[in-house]
Amino acid sequence: MKTIKQHAKGMIAILMASVVLVGCASKPIVQQNQVEIAPNTLVTLPTPAQLGYSLTASQLITATWQKQSHQLPVQLQVDPKRVALAGFSSWGTRILSLDYQDQHIDTYVMPGLGATLPDPKQVLFNIMITLWPMDAWKAPLEQVGWQLKQTHNHRQLIDSKGDIIADIDYKNSDPLKGDITFINHQQHYTIGIKTLQSSQHESGK
């Protein structure tokens, strides 16, 4: 039977695939509600409320990276005040989690794996850039010279040089009712997101 550390090595492809162009340069000072999306480039995350509704979802992420594919079950909960995210091993052990509320992000990585797994904030960024509405991202990205463009069932994340960093394709106009494909052109990985079960309702005013 594989040990937790052995299993973690197999999951690194998935978790590394949640990093969007983050290099090995010296890290700038990061505010609690900011994520590094490129070396020395920080973006302020939208608030949980800017999703526009409350959500509970079970998702299966399939990541293809360095010619290997791996799967990661994910649980996501969003309400107007909080985003909670958890990723699990194949036998149900929680290996990372994150709680985002009051402009503060608390993260957890299974003890002993902190040196090998990326910051869960990067997982949160990928989920938010995929699900949160365009208006929620306009101001944060403009602050760093980036932009998010959208056409029918398709988004593109573009950096300050005009380079396309990522393409996001939706099989359904409702992203929770069809598979999502996230392709990062800089780091050469693909993420497939399948929502297995979800429930949502309008947030209270």
Protein backbone atom coordinates (compact mmCIF):
# COMPACT_ATOMS: atom_id res chain seq x y z
CA MET A 1 0.00 0.00 0.00
CA LYS A 2 1.36 3.41 -0.90
CA THR A 3 2.42 5.72 1.91
CA ILE A 4 1.03 9.23 2.08
CA LYS A 5 4.34 10.67 0.86
CA GLN A 6 4.45 8.27 -2.07
CA HIS A 7 0.91 9.18 -3.01
CA ALA A 8 1.77 12.88 -2.70
CA LYS A 9 4.44 12.52 -5.37
CA GLY A 10 1.79 11.20 -7.72
CA MET A 11 -0.46 14.16 -6.88
CA ILE A 12 2.20 16.81 -7.48
CA ALA A 13 1.25 17.03 -11.16
CA ILE A 14 -2.27 18.07 -10.22
CA LEU A 15 -1.19 20.52 -7.60
CA MET A 16 1.56 22.02 -9.69
CA ALA A 17 -0.99 22.43 -12.45
CA SER A 18 -2.82 24.87 -10.22
CA VAL A 19 0.10 27.30 -10.36
CA VAL A 20 -0.35 29.91 -13.10
CA LEU A 21 3.09 31.06 -14.28
CA VAL A 22 4.69 31.29 -10.85
CA GLY A 23 8.47 31.17 -11.13
CA CYS A 24 11.35 30.77 -8.74
CA ALA A 25 12.15 34.47 -8.46
CA SER A 26 12.35 36.18 -5.09
CA LYS A 27 8.90 36.50 -3.60
CA PRO A 28 7.38 39.95 -3.03
CA ILE A 29 5.47 40.75 0.14
CA VAL A 30 2.01 39.24 -0.34
CA GLN A 31 -1.09 40.67 1.29
CA GLN A 32 -3.51 38.15 2.70
CA ASN A 33 -5.98 38.45 -0.18
CA GLN A 34 -3.35 38.47 -2.94
CA VAL A 35 -1.90 35.69 -5.08
CA GLU A 36 1.27 35.70 -7.17
CA ILE A 37 0.28 35.01 -10.78
CA ALA A 38 3.73 35.64 -12.30
CA PRO A 39 7.16 36.38 -10.83
CA ASN A 40 6.77 39.56 -8.77
CA THR A 41 3.21 40.10 -10.03
CA LEU A 42 0.46 40.01 -7.41
CA VAL A 43 -3.27 40.11 -8.02
CA THR A 44 -5.90 40.93 -5.41
CA LEU A 45 -8.62 38.27 -5.34
CA PRO A 46 -12.28 39.19 -5.76
CA THR A 47 -14.41 38.78 -2.65
CA PRO A 48 -16.46 35.62 -2.05
CA ALA A 49 -19.64 37.68 -2.46
CA GLN A 50 -18.66 38.69 -5.99
CA LEU A 51 -19.44 35.19 -7.22
CA GLY A 52 -23.05 36.38 -7.01
CA TYR A 53 -24.54 33.27 -5.41
CA SER A 54 -23.85 30.66 -2.76
CA LEU A 55 -22.43 27.36 -3.95
CA THR A 56 -21.63 23.86 -2.76
CA ALA A 57 -19.91 21.61 -5.29
CA SER A 58 -18.09 18.30 -5.57
CA GLN A 59 -15.65 18.33 -8.46
CA LEU A 60 -13.15 15.99 -10.03
CA ILE A 61 -10.01 17.62 -11.43
CA THR A 62 -8.02 15.72 -14.03
CA ALA A 63 -4.60 17.26 -14.69
CA THR A 64 -2.30 16.35 -17.55
CA TRP A 65 1.24 17.58 -16.98
CA GLN A 66 4.57 16.27 -18.22
CA LYS A 67 2.74 13.51 -20.14
CA GLN A 68 1.10 12.18 -16.98
CA SER A 69 -2.52 12.43 -15.89
CA HIS A 70 -3.79 12.43 -12.30
CA GLN A 71 -7.10 13.06 -10.60
CA LEU A 72 -7.96 15.05 -7.50
CA PRO A 73 -11.41 15.11 -5.81
CA VAL A 74 -12.26 18.62 -4.61
CA GLN A 75 -14.98 20.01 -2.36
CA LEU A 76 -15.88 23.71 -2.77
CA GLN A 77 -18.20 25.84 -0.67
CA VAL A 78 -18.91 29.53 -1.27
CA ASP A 79 -21.20 31.95 0.53
CA PRO A 80 -21.20 35.78 0.58
CA LYS A 81 -18.58 35.85 3.34
CA ARG A 82 -16.40 32.80 2.76
CA VAL A 83 -14.78 30.41 0.32
CA ALA A 84 -13.78 26.97 1.64
CA LEU A 85 -11.80 24.55 -0.50
CA ALA A 86 -10.47 21.06 0.22
CA GLY A 87 -8.53 18.57 -1.89
CA PHE A 88 -8.37 14.87 -1.07
CA SER A 89 -6.24 11.82 -1.80
CA SER A 90 -7.73 8.86 -3.67
CA TRP A 91 -8.66 7.19 -0.36
CA GLY A 92 -10.30 10.32 1.05
CA THR A 93 -7.52 11.85 3.16
CA ARG A 94 -7.52 15.64 3.12
CA ILE A 95 -4.13 16.76 1.76
CA LEU A 96 -4.80 20.47 1.43
CA SER A 97 -7.47 22.99 2.30
CA LEU A 98 -8.11 26.70 2.30
CA ASP A 99 -10.45 29.18 3.99
CA TYR A 100 -10.89 32.68 2.53
CA GLN A 101 -12.90 35.28 4.41
CA ASP A 102 -12.57 38.88 5.67
CA GLN A 103 -9.76 39.48 3.13
CA HIS A 104 -7.73 36.79 4.89
CA ILE A 105 -6.70 33.37 3.60
CA ASP A 106 -5.84 30.47 5.91
CA THR A 107 -4.25 27.42 4.27
CA TYR A 108 -3.49 23.86 5.32
CA VAL A 109 -1.18 21.29 3.76
CA MET A 110 -0.79 17.84 5.27
CA PRO A 111 2.19 17.83 7.69
CA GLY A 112 5.38 16.72 6.04
CA LEU A 113 4.28 17.76 2.55
CA GLY A 114 4.72 21.51 2.79
CA ALA A 115 8.05 21.45 0.97
CA THR A 116 6.68 19.55 -2.02
CA LEU A 117 3.15 20.91 -2.51
CA PRO A 118 2.42 24.38 -3.91
CA ASP A 119 0.51 27.08 -2.07
CA PRO A 120 -3.22 26.24 -1.97
CA LYS A 121 -3.80 29.91 -2.85
CA GLN A 122 -2.87 29.00 -6.41
CA VAL A 123 -5.61 26.36 -6.47
CA LEU A 124 -8.05 29.03 -5.29
CA PHE A 125 -6.90 31.44 -7.99
CA ASN A 126 -7.56 28.91 -10.76
CA ILE A 127 -11.03 28.16 -9.43
CA MET A 128 -11.92 31.83 -9.06
CA ILE A 129 -10.58 32.82 -12.50
CA THR A 130 -12.77 30.04 -13.91
CA LEU A 131 -16.02 30.60 -12.00
CA TRP A 132 -16.19 34.23 -10.83
CA PRO A 133 -17.88 36.66 -13.27
CA MET A 134 -15.85 38.89 -15.58
CA ASP A 135 -16.81 42.06 -13.70
CA ALA A 136 -15.29 40.67 -10.51
CA TRP A 137 -11.89 40.30 -12.22
CA LYS A 138 -11.79 43.51 -14.24
CA ALA A 139 -10.35 45.87 -11.60
CA PRO A 140 -7.92 43.41 -9.94
CA LEU A 141 -6.36 42.43 -13.27
CA GLU A 142 -6.24 45.99 -14.59
CA GLN A 143 -4.18 46.95 -11.55
CA VAL A 144 -1.35 44.72 -12.81
CA GLY A 145 -1.92 45.34 -16.52
CA TRP A 146 -3.51 41.93 -17.16
CA GLN A 147 -6.93 41.24 -18.61
CA LEU A 148 -9.52 38.51 -18.94
CA LYS A 149 -11.39 38.30 -22.24
CA GLN A 150 -14.54 36.30 -22.83
CA THR A 151 -16.41 35.14 -25.91
CA HIS A 152 -19.09 32.46 -26.12
CA ASN A 153 -18.14 29.68 -23.66
CA HIS A 154 -14.48 30.75 -23.74
CA ARG A 155 -12.11 32.88 -21.66
CA GLN A 156 -8.53 34.01 -22.19
CA LEU A 157 -6.16 35.24 -19.48
CA ILE A 158 -3.72 37.74 -21.00
CA ASP A 159 -0.66 39.25 -19.32
CA SER A 160 0.71 42.80 -19.48
CA LYS A 161 2.77 41.96 -22.59
CA GLY A 162 -0.28 40.77 -24.49
CA ASP A 163 0.69 37.11 -24.24
CA ILE A 164 -2.10 34.57 -23.76
CA ILE A 165 -1.35 32.79 -20.50
CA ALA A 166 -4.39 30.52 -20.38
CA ASP A 167 -7.43 29.44 -22.39
CA ILE A 168 -10.55 28.30 -20.56
CA ASP A 169 -13.24 26.43 -22.51
CA TYR A 170 -16.73 25.70 -21.15
CA LYS A 171 -18.87 22.93 -22.62
CA ASN A 172 -22.00 24.61 -21.25
CA SER A 173 -22.94 28.23 -20.68
CA ASP A 174 -23.44 27.21 -17.05
CA PRO A 175 -19.92 26.19 -15.96
CA LEU A 176 -21.33 23.88 -13.29
CA LYS A 177 -23.30 21.83 -15.84
CA GLY A 178 -20.54 20.95 -18.29
CA ASP A 179 -16.87 20.05 -18.30
CA ILE A 180 -14.31 22.85 -18.19
CA THR A 181 -10.91 22.67 -19.88
CA PHE A 182 -8.16 24.97 -18.58
CA ILE A 183 -5.02 25.12 -20.75
CA ASN A 184 -1.94 26.95 -19.50
CA HIS A 185 0.28 27.78 -22.47
CA GLN A 186 3.23 28.97 -20.42
CA GLN A 187 3.63 25.89 -18.24
CA HIS A 188 2.17 23.43 -20.77
CA TYR A 189 -0.47 21.72 -18.65
CA THR A 190 -4.17 21.03 -19.08
CA ILE A 191 -6.79 20.77 -16.35
CA GLY A 192 -10.18 19.16 -16.87
CA ILE A 193 -12.83 20.08 -14.31
CA LYS A 194 -15.96 17.94 -13.99
CA THR A 195 -18.65 18.99 -11.53
CA LEU A 196 -20.10 15.79 -10.08
CA GLN A 197 -22.70 17.45 -7.90
CA SER A 198 -23.59 21.02 -7.05
CA SER A 199 -26.23 23.15 -5.45
CA GLN A 200 -26.53 26.92 -5.63
CA HIS A 201 -28.90 29.64 -4.58
CA GLU A 202 -29.00 33.41 -4.71
CA SER A 203 -27.12 35.13 -1.95
CA GLY A 204 -29.16 37.19 0.46
CA LYS A 205 -29.07 40.91 -0.02
